[in-house]
Amino acid sequence: MILNSTYRFEIKSTDMAGRIGRLETKTSKIETPALLPVIHPVRQLIPCFEIRQMGYEAVMTNAYTTFRRQRDRADEGIHRIIGFDGTVMTDSGGYQVLEFGSVNVDPLEISAFEEKIGSDIAIILDRPTGLEVTRSYASRTVSQTLDSARKTLEARTRDDVIWTLPVQGGKYLDLVAKSARASAKLDFGCFALGSPVEVMESYDFPLLVRMILASKRHLPIDRPFHLFGAGHPLIIPLAVALGCDMFDSASYVLYAKNDRYISSGGTIRLEKLEYLPCGCKTCASLKAKELKALPHEERVVALARHNLAALMLAIEETKQAIWEERLWEYVRGKCSNHPSAFEAFRIAVTSNMLEIEMGTPGFKDRGIFLFDDLDLSRPEVARHQERLSNLDLSRKEFLVICPETRTKPFLSSEILREVLKLVDVEKTLVCYSSRVFGLVPAEVSDVFPVSQITHHLESLSRSDPILNAKSWRRINVLFRRNDPAVEPLKKDLQNYSTGKNSKTAITVSKNYKSFKRQLEITYR
């Protein structure tokens, strides 16, 4: 939690790097993750009071457009100008710089205007990098944005505005990291990823993930992080899982003007719609044919209303997934709708991002699902492997390996009770052979997530940390027929018994009777 004279940002729940938080501004409280619909300060299609009624607690509007078109109303304040009583975030003209190359205002002039109109969250006048630019140009945008940031901080006169600093660098990830490191040293209440819109428009979600990672690794985790232009249901859940707290987008109206209907899996062109697969007010009151038959202006408004509802649903579903501690499964399912999104998910979860590990609870009320080897990158699984690697086995001489049992946890199984009667527990480590985790000591078989997984994985290709921890004096193994863990364990034992471990006595039994006899011989 961060606390100062202007605002408070408090984290309520986490899973992966995603978090449900509460951001307090001078006007209102926002629950994050939050999508801020972009509002045109002059020609707004959907009235702001209606957007507020739909559950949106904050919006974004353009201070530069307001400066040019509504400057004479500045004393009224931005909330009255656009008719919104919640939190208002203002863009300073950076998007116009990206589109047109420059704006007719300097950073201090526009920041003073943002203070005057009472912005709750204000963005400095940055120099967006863009996508298809040279490295030298990208480097200049980093320097120019940081210079503008320092000037804005020195000139600010109000302490109730949350100033936002965009991180620049574009596709040059080392420059993104450099920008983030320098940004982290400045006293900003919010940070953002600069220039992601073109990346998202080209569906280059893997690059977007790499840009987010390059930023987040160097920014303070106790500040909200904003992702510009993220108004697509394919990317919102993944971005949240990577620690993005706020988004803004005009996609709801831009898609509507292009006859595009936002669905849970992406967007659908209106001519392809035979049904309206949504329960919002628009879709409940119209049939697809009726929506298509509306006059153009009415159709755009109806589609925009639906699109706003669909985006709100994406945010609410993502928050619910965090609350239930099933964000991994939810994001994976959403990303499965597009190859580029799924590749982005793979990059994200194999990135060793500290925030993903830190944000994932150590214990969960529900089990976890494993679908394939990619799910073995889950923090829950990695933590267990690390736990096994750190066990103190210095006093153990004998290793006893039992098959996986239907009884969960193994600590409660009948076979373990029988084995413990036969072995010297001080010198013996008793394990069972898991298809996913390899050898699992009985002592930790009840520790999450060992007994709380659901999967149909045949085996995991591994170098078992327990088996290879030391040169065991003797290993007794019980194999059962049709046990999927048998073949990988056989390979592990073959690899183990070479070289320095060639003198280890390994006895393999195929039924409990012979297994028991071998244990009696071992401890006679």
Protein backbone atom coordinates (compact mmCIF):
# COMPACT_ATOMS: atom_id res chain seq x y z
CA MET A 1 0.00 0.00 0.00
CA ILE A 2 1.21 3.51 -0.77
CA LEU A 3 -0.10 6.48 1.13
CA ASN A 4 0.56 10.17 0.75
CA SER A 5 -1.41 13.40 0.82
CA THR A 6 -3.06 12.82 -2.54
CA TYR A 7 -4.17 9.23 -2.83
CA ARG A 8 -4.07 5.66 -1.57
CA PHE A 9 -3.56 2.44 -3.54
CA GLU A 10 -4.38 -0.69 -1.60
CA ILE A 11 -4.19 -4.30 -2.79
CA LYS A 12 -7.08 -6.55 -1.71
CA SER A 13 -6.40 -9.84 -3.50
CA THR A 14 -3.81 -11.29 -5.87
CA ASP A 15 -3.22 -14.23 -8.20
CA MET A 16 -0.28 -14.47 -10.59
CA ALA A 17 0.76 -10.80 -10.99
CA GLY A 18 -2.90 -9.82 -11.25
CA ARG A 19 -4.39 -7.92 -8.37
CA ILE A 20 -7.68 -6.51 -7.20
CA GLY A 21 -6.97 -3.12 -5.70
CA ARG A 22 -8.60 0.08 -4.58
CA LEU A 23 -7.32 3.39 -5.86
CA GLU A 24 -8.57 6.50 -4.07
CA THR A 25 -8.43 9.78 -5.96
CA LYS A 26 -9.62 13.20 -4.84
CA THR A 27 -12.99 12.52 -6.48
CA SER A 28 -13.82 8.86 -5.90
CA LYS A 29 -12.60 5.33 -5.30
CA ILE A 30 -11.83 2.95 -8.16
CA GLU A 31 -11.62 -0.81 -7.92
CA THR A 32 -8.86 -2.14 -10.14
CA PRO A 33 -8.41 -3.74 -12.61
CA ALA A 34 -10.42 -0.99 -14.25
CA LEU A 35 -11.20 -0.06 -17.83
CA LEU A 36 -11.59 3.66 -18.50
CA PRO A 37 -13.75 4.34 -21.57
CA VAL A 38 -12.30 7.16 -23.63
CA ILE A 39 -14.67 10.14 -23.70
CA HIS A 40 -14.59 12.83 -26.37
CA PRO A 41 -14.90 16.17 -24.55
CA VAL A 42 -17.07 17.67 -27.31
CA ARG A 43 -18.68 14.92 -29.40
CA GLN A 44 -19.43 12.06 -27.01
CA LEU A 45 -21.64 9.32 -28.46
CA ILE A 46 -22.82 7.70 -25.21
CA PRO A 47 -23.64 10.19 -22.42
CA CYS A 48 -21.29 9.96 -19.45
CA PHE A 49 -24.12 9.50 -16.96
CA GLU A 50 -25.13 6.35 -18.86
CA ILE A 51 -21.55 5.07 -18.79
CA ARG A 52 -21.55 5.69 -15.03
CA GLN A 53 -24.80 3.73 -14.67
CA MET A 54 -23.18 0.79 -16.47
CA GLY A 55 -20.71 0.49 -13.60
CA TYR A 56 -17.72 2.42 -14.90
CA GLU A 57 -16.08 4.29 -12.02
CA ALA A 58 -13.58 6.22 -14.13
CA VAL A 59 -13.16 7.53 -17.67
CA MET A 60 -10.38 9.04 -19.73
CA THR A 61 -10.68 12.18 -21.81
CA ASN A 62 -8.27 14.32 -23.78
CA ALA A 63 -6.95 17.43 -22.05
CA TYR A 64 -5.33 18.63 -25.28
CA THR A 65 -8.63 18.56 -27.19
CA THR A 66 -10.30 20.27 -24.25
CA PHE A 67 -7.53 22.88 -24.26
CA ARG A 68 -8.13 23.60 -27.93
CA ARG A 69 -11.94 23.40 -28.00
CA GLN A 70 -13.20 24.15 -24.47
CA ARG A 71 -10.51 26.34 -22.93
CA ASP A 72 -13.06 29.01 -21.99
CA ARG A 73 -14.80 26.45 -19.73
CA ALA A 74 -11.66 25.47 -17.82
CA ASP A 75 -12.91 27.03 -14.57
CA GLU A 76 -15.92 24.70 -14.61
CA GLY A 77 -13.63 21.70 -14.27
CA ILE A 78 -13.33 18.62 -16.43
CA HIS A 79 -16.00 16.69 -14.49
CA ARG A 80 -18.66 19.27 -15.31
CA ILE A 81 -17.43 19.73 -18.87
CA ILE A 82 -17.91 16.05 -19.75
CA GLY A 83 -20.70 15.38 -17.25
CA PHE A 84 -19.03 12.63 -15.21
CA ASP A 85 -18.98 12.55 -11.41
CA GLY A 86 -16.41 9.77 -11.01
CA THR A 87 -12.66 9.77 -11.48
CA VAL A 88 -11.39 11.43 -14.66
CA MET A 89 -8.00 10.66 -16.18
CA THR A 90 -6.71 13.08 -18.81
CA ASP A 91 -4.35 12.48 -21.70
CA SER A 92 -2.15 15.46 -22.45
CA GLY A 93 -1.85 15.10 -26.22
CA GLY A 94 0.63 12.26 -26.52
CA TYR A 95 -1.71 10.36 -28.82
CA GLN A 96 -1.89 13.39 -31.12
CA VAL A 97 1.92 13.53 -31.09
CA LEU A 98 1.97 9.89 -32.19
CA GLU A 99 -0.61 10.54 -34.92
CA PHE A 100 0.56 13.92 -36.23
CA GLY A 101 4.15 14.27 -34.99
CA SER A 102 3.59 17.32 -32.77
CA VAL A 103 1.05 19.45 -30.90
CA ASN A 104 0.81 23.21 -30.49
CA VAL A 105 1.42 23.20 -26.75
CA ASP A 106 4.43 22.63 -24.53
CA PRO A 107 4.57 20.17 -21.60
CA LEU A 108 4.31 22.81 -18.88
CA GLU A 109 1.41 24.59 -20.54
CA ILE A 110 -0.68 21.44 -20.83
CA SER A 111 0.24 20.16 -17.33
CA ALA A 112 -0.87 23.51 -15.87
CA PHE A 113 -4.12 23.15 -17.78
CA GLU A 114 -4.66 19.62 -16.44
CA GLU A 115 -4.24 20.97 -12.92
CA LYS A 116 -6.62 23.86 -13.64
CA ILE A 117 -9.44 21.62 -14.91
CA GLY A 118 -9.10 19.36 -11.88
CA SER A 119 -7.92 16.12 -13.43
CA ASP A 120 -7.82 13.27 -10.93
CA ILE A 121 -5.17 11.34 -12.84
CA ALA A 122 -3.09 13.30 -15.35
CA ILE A 123 -0.62 12.11 -17.96
CA ILE A 124 2.40 14.21 -18.75
CA LEU A 125 2.93 15.37 -22.34
CA ASP A 126 5.18 12.50 -23.39
CA ARG A 127 6.88 11.71 -26.68
CA PRO A 128 5.43 8.34 -27.77
CA THR A 129 7.87 6.03 -29.51
CA GLY A 130 5.59 4.30 -31.97
CA LEU A 131 6.31 0.97 -33.63
CA GLU A 132 8.08 1.27 -36.97
CA VAL A 133 10.81 3.69 -35.96
CA THR A 134 14.60 3.55 -35.84
CA ARG A 135 16.49 2.82 -32.67
CA SER A 136 17.97 6.31 -32.56
CA TYR A 137 14.50 7.85 -32.82
CA ALA A 138 13.22 5.53 -30.07
CA SER A 139 16.13 6.55 -27.86
CA ARG A 140 15.25 10.23 -28.36
CA THR A 141 11.64 9.61 -27.33
CA VAL A 142 12.88 8.05 -24.09
CA SER A 143 15.07 11.05 -23.31
CA GLN A 144 12.43 13.61 -24.32
CA THR A 145 9.72 11.92 -22.24
CA LEU A 146 11.93 11.78 -19.16
CA ASP A 147 12.90 15.42 -19.64
CA SER A 148 9.22 16.35 -19.86
CA ALA A 149 8.54 14.29 -16.73
CA ARG A 150 11.15 16.11 -14.68
CA LYS A 151 9.91 19.52 -15.82
CA THR A 152 6.32 18.58 -14.97
CA LEU A 153 7.27 17.48 -11.46
CA GLU A 154 9.17 20.70 -10.82
CA ALA A 155 6.30 22.87 -12.05
CA ARG A 156 3.34 21.13 -10.39
CA THR A 157 1.34 23.22 -7.93
CA ARG A 158 -1.29 20.77 -6.68
CA ASP A 159 -0.77 17.71 -4.51
CA ASP A 160 -4.14 16.09 -5.29
CA VAL A 161 -3.37 15.10 -8.90
CA ILE A 162 -2.00 11.61 -9.57
CA TRP A 163 0.63 12.19 -12.26
CA THR A 164 1.26 9.37 -14.72
CA LEU A 165 4.54 8.74 -16.51
CA PRO A 166 4.53 6.60 -19.69
CA VAL A 167 7.51 4.31 -20.24
CA GLN A 168 8.84 4.63 -23.79
CA GLY A 169 11.12 2.56 -26.01
CA GLY A 170 8.65 0.69 -28.20
CA LYS A 171 9.93 -2.59 -29.63
CA TYR A 172 13.46 -1.90 -28.39
CA LEU A 173 13.16 -3.76 -25.11
CA ASP A 174 16.51 -2.62 -23.70
CA LEU A 175 15.34 0.97 -24.18
CA VAL A 176 12.02 0.13 -22.47
CA ALA A 177 13.98 -1.26 -19.52
CA LYS A 178 16.22 1.83 -19.47
CA SER A 179 13.17 4.10 -19.53
CA ALA A 180 11.51 2.13 -16.73
CA ARG A 181 14.61 2.25 -14.51
CA ALA A 182 14.88 6.01 -14.92
CA SER A 183 11.12 6.46 -14.43
CA ALA A 184 11.18 4.50 -11.18
CA LYS A 185 13.49 7.13 -9.66
CA LEU A 186 10.92 9.88 -10.21
CA ASP A 187 8.07 10.73 -7.85
CA PHE A 188 5.12 9.61 -9.95
CA GLY A 189 1.98 8.03 -8.53
CA CYS A 190 1.22 5.97 -11.62
CA PHE A 191 3.20 4.52 -14.51
CA ALA A 192 2.09 3.40 -17.96
CA LEU A 193 3.36 1.55 -20.99
CA GLY A 194 3.83 3.98 -23.84
CA SER A 195 3.09 3.20 -27.51
CA PRO A 196 1.34 -0.19 -27.26
CA VAL A 197 -1.63 0.61 -29.53
CA GLU A 198 0.05 -0.18 -32.85
CA VAL A 199 1.38 -3.42 -31.38
CA MET A 200 -2.12 -4.49 -30.35
CA GLU A 201 -3.67 -3.41 -33.63
CA SER A 202 -1.24 -5.71 -35.46
CA TYR A 203 -2.09 -8.55 -33.03
CA ASP A 204 1.56 -8.82 -32.05
CA PHE A 205 0.65 -9.90 -28.54
CA PRO A 206 4.02 -11.61 -27.91
CA LEU A 207 5.80 -8.27 -28.41
CA LEU A 208 3.26 -6.57 -26.15
CA VAL A 209 4.01 -9.08 -23.39
CA ARG A 210 7.74 -8.53 -23.76
CA MET A 211 7.22 -4.75 -23.53
CA ILE A 212 5.12 -5.14 -20.37
CA LEU A 213 7.72 -7.44 -18.82
CA ALA A 214 10.56 -5.07 -19.69
CA SER A 215 8.67 -2.25 -17.93
CA LYS A 216 7.25 -4.03 -14.91
CA ARG A 217 10.54 -5.60 -13.85
CA HIS A 218 11.98 -2.17 -13.10
CA LEU A 219 8.99 -0.27 -11.73
CA PRO A 220 7.79 -0.13 -8.10
CA ILE A 221 5.09 -2.75 -7.56
CA ASP A 222 3.16 -0.54 -5.14
CA ARG A 223 2.04 1.88 -7.89
CA PRO A 224 -0.79 1.28 -10.37
CA PHE A 225 0.31 0.43 -13.90
CA HIS A 226 -1.71 1.62 -16.91
CA LEU A 227 -1.86 0.04 -20.37
CA PHE A 228 -2.95 2.48 -23.07
CA GLY A 229 -5.52 1.46 -25.65
CA ALA A 230 -6.24 -2.04 -24.35
CA GLY A 231 -9.89 -2.44 -25.23
CA HIS A 232 -9.88 -5.99 -26.55
CA PRO A 233 -11.18 -9.02 -24.61
CA LEU A 234 -8.32 -11.16 -25.87
CA ILE A 235 -5.64 -9.08 -24.20
CA ILE A 236 -7.27 -7.68 -21.03
CA PRO A 237 -7.08 -10.92 -18.95
CA LEU A 238 -3.45 -11.58 -19.92
CA ALA A 239 -2.44 -7.98 -19.27
CA VAL A 240 -4.07 -8.16 -15.84
CA ALA A 241 -2.18 -11.39 -15.10
CA LEU A 242 1.04 -9.48 -15.85
CA GLY A 243 0.20 -6.73 -13.36
CA CYS A 244 -1.63 -4.12 -15.45
CA ASP A 245 -4.15 -2.33 -13.23
CA MET A 246 -5.85 0.15 -15.55
CA PHE A 247 -6.72 0.35 -19.23
CA ASP A 248 -8.29 2.95 -21.48
CA SER A 249 -9.88 2.47 -24.83
CA ALA A 250 -12.19 4.01 -27.39
CA SER A 251 -12.66 0.57 -28.97
CA TYR A 252 -16.28 0.42 -27.88
CA VAL A 253 -17.19 3.24 -30.27
CA LEU A 254 -14.50 2.66 -32.92
CA TYR A 255 -15.63 -0.94 -33.35
CA ALA A 256 -19.27 0.17 -33.39
CA LYS A 257 -18.62 2.65 -36.21
CA ASN A 258 -17.03 -0.22 -38.13
CA ASP A 259 -20.00 -2.55 -37.44
CA ARG A 260 -17.99 -4.78 -35.11
CA TYR A 261 -19.51 -6.56 -32.14
CA ILE A 262 -17.27 -7.36 -29.14
CA SER A 263 -17.65 -10.93 -27.89
CA SER A 264 -15.86 -12.91 -25.19
CA GLY A 265 -13.50 -14.37 -27.78
CA GLY A 266 -12.79 -11.27 -29.84
CA THR A 267 -14.83 -9.20 -32.28
CA ILE A 268 -17.45 -10.27 -34.83
CA ARG A 269 -18.45 -8.36 -37.92
CA LEU A 270 -22.10 -7.46 -37.87
CA GLU A 271 -22.91 -9.22 -41.17
CA LYS A 272 -21.69 -12.49 -39.58
CA LEU A 273 -24.08 -12.22 -36.64
CA GLU A 274 -27.08 -14.52 -36.71
CA TYR A 275 -27.55 -14.35 -32.93
CA LEU A 276 -26.63 -11.91 -30.17
CA PRO A 277 -24.70 -14.08 -27.67
CA CYS A 278 -24.93 -11.63 -24.80
CA GLY A 279 -27.32 -10.73 -22.01
CA CYS A 280 -26.82 -6.96 -21.96
CA LYS A 281 -29.79 -4.61 -22.33
CA THR A 282 -29.09 -4.03 -26.02
CA CYS A 283 -28.88 -7.72 -26.90
CA ALA A 284 -31.87 -8.59 -24.69
CA SER A 285 -34.09 -6.07 -26.46
CA LEU A 286 -33.07 -6.75 -30.06
CA LYS A 287 -32.55 -9.66 -32.42
CA ALA A 288 -29.56 -9.75 -34.76
CA LYS A 289 -31.73 -8.96 -37.79
CA GLU A 290 -33.28 -5.98 -35.98
CA LEU A 291 -29.83 -4.65 -35.00
CA LYS A 292 -28.65 -4.89 -38.61
CA ALA A 293 -31.78 -3.09 -39.83
CA LEU A 294 -31.33 -0.02 -37.61
CA PRO A 295 -30.37 3.27 -39.29
CA HIS A 296 -26.61 3.80 -39.22
CA GLU A 297 -26.46 6.29 -36.32
CA GLU A 298 -28.85 4.26 -34.16
CA ARG A 299 -26.94 1.06 -34.96
CA VAL A 300 -23.62 2.63 -33.94
CA VAL A 301 -25.09 3.73 -30.60
CA ALA A 302 -26.62 0.30 -29.97
CA LEU A 303 -23.36 -1.47 -30.82
CA ALA A 304 -21.37 0.94 -28.66
CA ARG A 305 -23.66 0.26 -25.70
CA HIS A 306 -23.23 -3.48 -26.18
CA ASN A 307 -19.45 -3.14 -26.57
CA LEU A 308 -19.23 -1.22 -23.30
CA ALA A 309 -21.18 -3.98 -21.58
CA ALA A 310 -18.93 -6.66 -23.12
CA LEU A 311 -15.77 -4.88 -21.95
CA MET A 312 -17.19 -4.51 -18.45
CA LEU A 313 -17.92 -8.25 -18.47
CA ALA A 314 -14.29 -8.98 -19.43
CA ILE A 315 -13.07 -6.90 -16.49
CA GLU A 316 -15.55 -8.42 -14.02
CA GLU A 317 -14.77 -11.99 -15.11
CA THR A 318 -11.06 -11.34 -14.73
CA LYS A 319 -11.53 -9.92 -11.23
CA GLN A 320 -13.67 -12.91 -10.27
CA ALA A 321 -10.91 -15.24 -11.50
CA ILE A 322 -8.42 -13.42 -9.25
CA TRP A 323 -10.82 -13.62 -6.33
CA GLU A 324 -11.29 -17.37 -6.84
CA GLU A 325 -7.52 -17.83 -7.32
CA ARG A 326 -7.99 -19.41 -10.76
CA LEU A 327 -6.51 -16.67 -12.91
CA TRP A 328 -4.09 -19.06 -14.64
CA GLU A 329 -6.88 -21.28 -15.95
CA TYR A 330 -9.03 -18.31 -16.95
CA VAL A 331 -6.27 -16.48 -18.85
CA ARG A 332 -5.11 -19.66 -20.54
CA GLY A 333 -8.65 -20.35 -21.74
CA LYS A 334 -9.10 -16.82 -23.08
CA CYS A 335 -5.75 -16.83 -24.85
CA SER A 336 -6.68 -20.11 -26.56
CA ASN A 337 -8.97 -18.09 -28.83
CA HIS A 338 -6.05 -16.83 -30.93
CA PRO A 339 -2.59 -18.31 -31.71
CA SER A 340 -0.83 -14.99 -31.13
CA ALA A 341 -2.52 -14.57 -27.75
CA PHE A 342 -1.61 -18.12 -26.72
CA GLU A 343 2.03 -17.60 -27.71
CA ALA A 344 1.96 -14.42 -25.64
CA PHE A 345 0.62 -16.44 -22.71
CA ARG A 346 3.43 -18.98 -23.13
CA ILE A 347 6.05 -16.22 -23.13
CA ALA A 348 4.48 -14.62 -20.07
CA VAL A 349 4.32 -17.72 -17.89
CA THR A 350 7.82 -18.92 -18.76
CA SER A 351 9.41 -15.51 -18.19
CA ASN A 352 10.38 -16.02 -14.52
CA MET A 353 8.53 -12.81 -13.70
CA LEU A 354 8.95 -12.22 -9.98
CA GLU A 355 5.51 -10.61 -9.63
CA ILE A 356 3.80 -13.76 -10.97
CA GLU A 357 5.49 -15.86 -8.31
CA MET A 358 4.93 -13.31 -5.54
CA GLY A 359 1.28 -12.72 -6.41
CA THR A 360 0.31 -16.39 -6.56
CA PRO A 361 -0.95 -17.53 -3.13
CA GLY A 362 1.11 -20.22 -1.44
CA PHE A 363 -2.01 -22.21 -0.64
CA LYS A 364 -5.38 -22.21 -2.39
CA ASP A 365 -8.85 -23.34 -1.38
CA ARG A 366 -9.27 -25.19 -4.66
CA GLY A 367 -7.10 -27.58 -6.62
CA ILE A 368 -5.29 -26.69 -9.81
CA PHE A 369 -5.65 -28.11 -13.31
CA LEU A 370 -2.71 -29.26 -15.42
CA PHE A 371 -3.42 -29.66 -19.14
CA ASP A 372 0.05 -30.05 -20.63
CA ASP A 373 3.73 -29.35 -20.01
CA LEU A 374 3.14 -25.58 -20.16
CA ASP A 375 1.16 -25.80 -16.93
CA LEU A 376 4.26 -27.16 -15.22
CA SER A 377 5.49 -23.55 -15.32
CA ARG A 378 2.84 -22.62 -12.76
CA PRO A 379 4.34 -21.03 -9.63
CA GLU A 380 2.61 -23.66 -7.50
CA VAL A 381 4.48 -26.44 -9.28
CA ALA A 382 7.79 -24.59 -9.36
CA ARG A 383 7.56 -23.92 -5.62
CA HIS A 384 7.11 -27.62 -4.91
CA GLN A 385 10.13 -28.52 -7.02
CA GLU A 386 12.19 -25.94 -5.13
CA ARG A 387 10.90 -27.35 -1.83
CA LEU A 388 12.10 -30.82 -2.85
CA SER A 389 15.51 -29.49 -3.85
CA ASN A 390 15.99 -27.90 -0.42
CA LEU A 391 15.12 -30.92 1.73
CA ASP A 392 17.80 -31.94 4.23
CA LEU A 393 18.58 -35.57 3.39
CA SER A 394 21.94 -35.76 5.12
CA ARG A 395 20.78 -38.41 7.65
CA LYS A 396 19.01 -40.58 5.10
CA GLU A 397 20.74 -43.66 3.67
CA PHE A 398 17.90 -45.70 2.21
CA LEU A 399 15.31 -44.71 -0.38
CA VAL A 400 11.99 -46.54 -0.61
CA ILE A 401 9.77 -45.80 -3.62
CA CYS A 402 6.09 -46.73 -3.63
CA PRO A 403 3.57 -46.33 -6.45
CA GLU A 404 1.12 -43.42 -6.50
CA THR A 405 -2.03 -44.26 -4.57
CA ARG A 406 -5.66 -43.28 -5.01
CA THR A 407 -5.67 -42.19 -1.39
CA LYS A 408 -4.82 -38.51 -1.11
CA PRO A 409 -2.58 -37.49 0.49
CA PHE A 410 -0.12 -40.38 0.38
CA LEU A 411 0.55 -39.66 4.06
CA SER A 412 -2.83 -41.25 4.83
CA SER A 413 -2.43 -44.35 2.64
CA GLU A 414 -2.48 -47.90 3.94
CA ILE A 415 0.69 -48.86 2.07
CA LEU A 416 2.64 -46.11 3.82
CA ARG A 417 1.46 -47.32 7.23
CA GLU A 418 2.65 -50.84 6.36
CA VAL A 419 6.01 -49.65 5.01
CA LEU A 420 6.74 -47.53 8.08
CA LYS A 421 6.46 -50.66 10.21
CA LEU A 422 9.24 -52.31 8.19
CA VAL A 423 11.85 -49.56 7.77
CA ASP A 424 14.22 -47.59 9.96
CA VAL A 425 12.46 -44.21 9.72
CA GLU A 426 15.53 -42.31 10.93
CA LYS A 427 17.65 -43.51 8.03
CA THR A 428 14.98 -44.01 5.35
CA LEU A 429 13.18 -41.64 3.02
CA VAL A 430 9.86 -43.09 1.87
CA CYS A 431 8.42 -41.58 -1.33
CA TYR A 432 5.79 -42.28 -3.91
CA SER A 433 6.31 -41.87 -7.63
CA SER A 434 4.13 -39.12 -9.11
CA ARG A 435 3.60 -38.74 -12.84
CA VAL A 436 3.91 -34.97 -12.48
CA PHE A 437 6.22 -34.30 -9.54
CA GLY A 438 8.50 -37.32 -9.69
CA LEU A 439 9.44 -38.68 -6.26
CA VAL A 440 7.38 -37.12 -3.48
CA PRO A 441 8.46 -37.74 0.13
CA ALA A 442 5.62 -38.88 2.38
CA GLU A 443 6.33 -35.99 4.76
CA VAL A 444 5.36 -33.37 2.15
CA SER A 445 2.67 -35.33 0.30
CA ASP A 446 -0.06 -33.33 2.02
CA VAL A 447 1.50 -29.95 1.15
CA PHE A 448 -0.26 -27.93 -1.56
CA PRO A 449 -0.40 -28.61 -4.49
CA VAL A 450 0.80 -32.24 -4.49
CA SER A 451 -2.56 -33.77 -3.59
CA GLN A 452 -4.67 -30.97 -5.07
CA ILE A 453 -4.03 -31.36 -8.79
CA THR A 454 -6.27 -32.70 -11.57
CA HIS A 455 -4.51 -33.86 -14.73
CA HIS A 456 -4.14 -36.53 -17.38
CA LEU A 457 -0.45 -36.04 -18.06
CA GLU A 458 1.37 -39.25 -18.85
CA SER A 459 4.70 -38.19 -17.40
CA LEU A 460 7.15 -35.36 -16.95
CA SER A 461 10.58 -35.48 -18.53
CA ARG A 462 12.82 -34.64 -15.60
CA SER A 463 15.99 -35.15 -13.63
CA ASP A 464 14.46 -36.13 -10.31
CA PRO A 465 15.76 -33.91 -7.45
CA ILE A 466 15.15 -36.54 -4.75
CA LEU A 467 16.71 -39.46 -6.60
CA ASN A 468 19.75 -37.45 -7.64
CA ALA A 469 20.21 -35.65 -4.33
CA LYS A 470 22.88 -38.08 -3.12
CA SER A 471 24.37 -41.55 -3.50
CA TRP A 472 21.85 -43.75 -1.75
CA ARG A 473 23.06 -46.85 0.07
CA ARG A 474 20.08 -48.86 -1.17
CA ILE A 475 16.92 -48.18 -3.17
CA ASN A 476 13.83 -50.40 -2.89
CA VAL A 477 11.14 -49.88 -5.50
CA LEU A 478 7.62 -51.26 -5.90
CA PHE A 479 6.28 -51.16 -9.46
CA ARG A 480 2.66 -51.86 -10.22
CA ARG A 481 1.29 -52.95 -13.56
CA ASN A 482 -0.22 -50.26 -15.78
CA ASP A 483 1.21 -47.49 -13.61
CA PRO A 484 1.94 -44.54 -15.96
CA ALA A 485 4.79 -43.42 -13.70
CA VAL A 486 6.71 -46.69 -14.19
CA GLU A 487 8.46 -45.96 -17.48
CA PRO A 488 9.83 -42.51 -16.58
CA LEU A 489 10.94 -43.86 -13.20
CA LYS A 490 12.74 -46.75 -14.90
CA LYS A 491 14.63 -44.26 -17.06
CA ASP A 492 15.48 -42.16 -14.01
CA LEU A 493 16.84 -45.22 -12.20
CA GLN A 494 18.89 -46.28 -15.23
CA ASN A 495 20.44 -42.83 -15.50
CA TYR A 496 21.06 -42.72 -11.74
CA SER A 497 22.83 -46.09 -11.57
CA THR A 498 25.68 -45.04 -13.86
CA GLY A 499 28.99 -43.52 -12.80
CA LYS A 500 29.41 -42.62 -9.14
CA ASN A 501 26.12 -44.33 -8.18
CA SER A 502 26.92 -47.68 -9.77
CA LYS A 503 27.46 -49.28 -6.33
CA THR A 504 23.98 -48.41 -5.10
CA ALA A 505 21.91 -51.58 -4.65
CA ILE A 506 18.59 -51.16 -6.48
CA THR A 507 15.86 -53.74 -5.93
CA VAL A 508 12.69 -53.62 -8.01
CA SER A 509 9.57 -55.58 -7.00
CA LYS A 510 6.43 -56.05 -9.06
CA ASN A 511 4.09 -57.01 -6.21
CA TYR A 512 3.74 -56.07 -2.59
CA LYS A 513 4.66 -59.50 -1.26
CA SER A 514 8.14 -59.47 -2.80
CA PHE A 515 8.50 -55.77 -1.98
CA LYS A 516 7.83 -56.50 1.69
CA ARG A 517 10.33 -59.39 1.65
CA GLN A 518 13.03 -57.12 0.19
CA LEU A 519 12.40 -54.49 2.87
CA GLU A 520 12.70 -57.14 5.58
CA ILE A 521 16.04 -58.24 4.09
CA THR A 522 17.27 -54.64 3.86
CA TYR A 523 16.59 -53.86 7.52
CA ARG A 524 17.39 -57.26 9.00
